[in-house]
């Protein structure tokens, strides 16, 4: 199961799992954006 979708423990763990899910979703987007930025800069586009 994906983090943030199901949880075990207290209500506090829901917030932690939701934050973890958001970070895990945004991080690859930032990495891909950086790769395209470098590639376009090298290719002078």
C-alpha atoms as a PDB file:
ATOM      1  CA  UNK A   1       0.000   0.000   0.000  1.00  0.00           C
ATOM      2  CA  UNK A   2       1.173   3.548  -0.650  1.00  0.00           C
ATOM      3  CA  UNK A   3       2.293   5.698   2.273  1.00  0.00           C
ATOM      4  CA  UNK A   4      -0.478   8.011   3.399  1.00  0.00           C
ATOM      5  CA  UNK A   5      -3.219   5.749   2.025  1.00  0.00           C
ATOM      6  CA  UNK A   6      -3.358   3.440   5.011  1.00  0.00           C
ATOM      7  CA  UNK A   7      -1.866   3.945   8.426  1.00  0.00           C
ATOM      8  CA  UNK A   8      -1.225   2.234  11.693  1.00  0.00           C
ATOM      9  CA  UNK A   9      -1.132   3.963  15.027  1.00  0.00           C
ATOM     10  CA  UNK A  10      -2.333   7.351  16.121  1.00  0.00           C
ATOM     11  CA  UNK A  11      -3.761  10.304  14.244  1.00  0.00           C
ATOM     12  CA  UNK A  12      -0.319  11.888  14.454  1.00  0.00           C
ATOM     13  CA  UNK A  13       1.064   9.186  12.167  1.00  0.00           C
ATOM     14  CA  UNK A  14      -1.438  10.170   9.462  1.00  0.00           C
ATOM     15  CA  UNK A  15       0.185  13.587   9.195  1.00  0.00           C
ATOM     16  CA  UNK A  16       3.670  12.110   9.025  1.00  0.00           C
ATOM     17  CA  UNK A  17       2.660   9.601   6.358  1.00  0.00           C
ATOM     18  CA  UNK A  18       0.897  12.292   4.316  1.00  0.00           C
ATOM     19  CA  UNK A  19       3.971  14.523   4.460  1.00  0.00           C
ATOM     20  CA  UNK A  20       6.159  11.603   3.411  1.00  0.00           C
ATOM     21  CA  UNK A  21       3.853  10.872   0.453  1.00  0.00           C
ATOM     22  CA  UNK A  22       3.941  14.480  -0.720  1.00  0.00           C
ATOM     23  CA  UNK A  23       7.734  14.655  -0.486  1.00  0.00           C
ATOM     24  CA  UNK A  24       8.084  11.361  -2.359  1.00  0.00           C
ATOM     25  CA  UNK A  25       5.772  12.638  -5.103  1.00  0.00           C
ATOM     26  CA  UNK A  26       7.414  16.057  -5.528  1.00  0.00           C
ATOM     27  CA  UNK A  27      11.076  14.969  -5.367  1.00  0.00           C
ATOM     28  CA  UNK A  28      11.140  13.097  -8.727  1.00  0.00           C
ATOM     29  CA  UNK A  29       9.440  16.054 -10.418  1.00  0.00           C
ATOM     30  CA  UNK A  30      12.189  18.378  -9.184  1.00  0.00           C
ATOM     31  CA  UNK A  31      14.915  15.960 -10.322  1.00  0.00           C
ATOM     32  CA  UNK A  32      13.413  15.577 -13.813  1.00  0.00           C
ATOM     33  CA  UNK A  33      12.988  19.353 -14.087  1.00  0.00           C
ATOM     34  CA  UNK A  34      16.660  19.841 -13.174  1.00  0.00           C
ATOM     35  CA  UNK A  35      17.767  17.277 -15.770  1.00  0.00           C
ATOM     36  CA  UNK A  36      15.745  18.986 -18.517  1.00  0.00           C
ATOM     37  CA  UNK A  37      17.054  22.382 -17.444  1.00  0.00           C
ATOM     38  CA  UNK A  38      20.667  21.236 -17.715  1.00  0.00           C
ATOM     39  CA  UNK A  39      20.014  19.468 -21.030  1.00  0.00           C
ATOM     40  CA  UNK A  40      18.341  22.524 -22.573  1.00  0.00           C
ATOM     41  CA  UNK A  41      21.155  24.742 -21.303  1.00  0.00           C
ATOM     42  CA  UNK A  42      23.828  22.487 -22.817  1.00  0.00           C
ATOM     43  CA  UNK A  43      21.931  22.282 -26.131  1.00  0.00           C
ATOM     44  CA  UNK A  44      21.414  26.079 -26.142  1.00  0.00           C
ATOM     45  CA  UNK A  45      17.645  25.787 -26.526  1.00  0.00           C
END
